[in-house]
Amino acid sequence: MAERTKASIEERVRQVAEPILAGEGLELLDVEFVREQGYVLRLFIDNPAAGNKVGLDDCERASRAVDTALEVEDVIAHEYSLEVSSPGLNRPLKKPVHYERVVGKQVRVKTFGPLAGTEPPRKNFLGVLAGVEADGIRVAVEGAGEYRIPYRDIARANLEFEF
């Protein structure tokens, strides 16, 4: 069997886990497959019915539901540890629906490279999520104005918790 890449493993885990978690009333936010002290597969989940708050019971339920399916599908060919957790205060934003939930809140966005039309060239944006469109988002950066960022240019985005 061909060597599986980190990206292909994460994508296959998404395909297997998303419908299972949806059946449990949970949402899969992110998947991370890393090598630490052995291999670790991390699933970050959300519970929309509980106001996007994730409890220990949710994590246990998700782990039980997904673990067997991943084994049956033989997604990861070697030994690994499965961890399921909440995304934390600075939750990742991956899908348009994630952005829609946090309009008006502070976000941090990093693009793959400098965003076209920014002077000076800029690829890091910290500001208020001003809007969500079909193909991108708008971020209002204090003292710099509003920037339109296409989804395809976003390398990483997360809610920036404000204390």
Foldseek 3Di string as FASTA:
>chain_A
DDDDDQVQLQVVLCVQQQVQLVVVQKGFQGWGWDADVHIEIETAIFRVVVVRDDDPVSFVVSCVRSVVSCVVVCSDVDDYHYGYYHCPQFRWDQDLVSLVVQQQAWKWWFFPFFDPPDVVGDGIATAGFHAGDPFFTWGQGPPRGIDTDGSNGTPTMTGDDDD
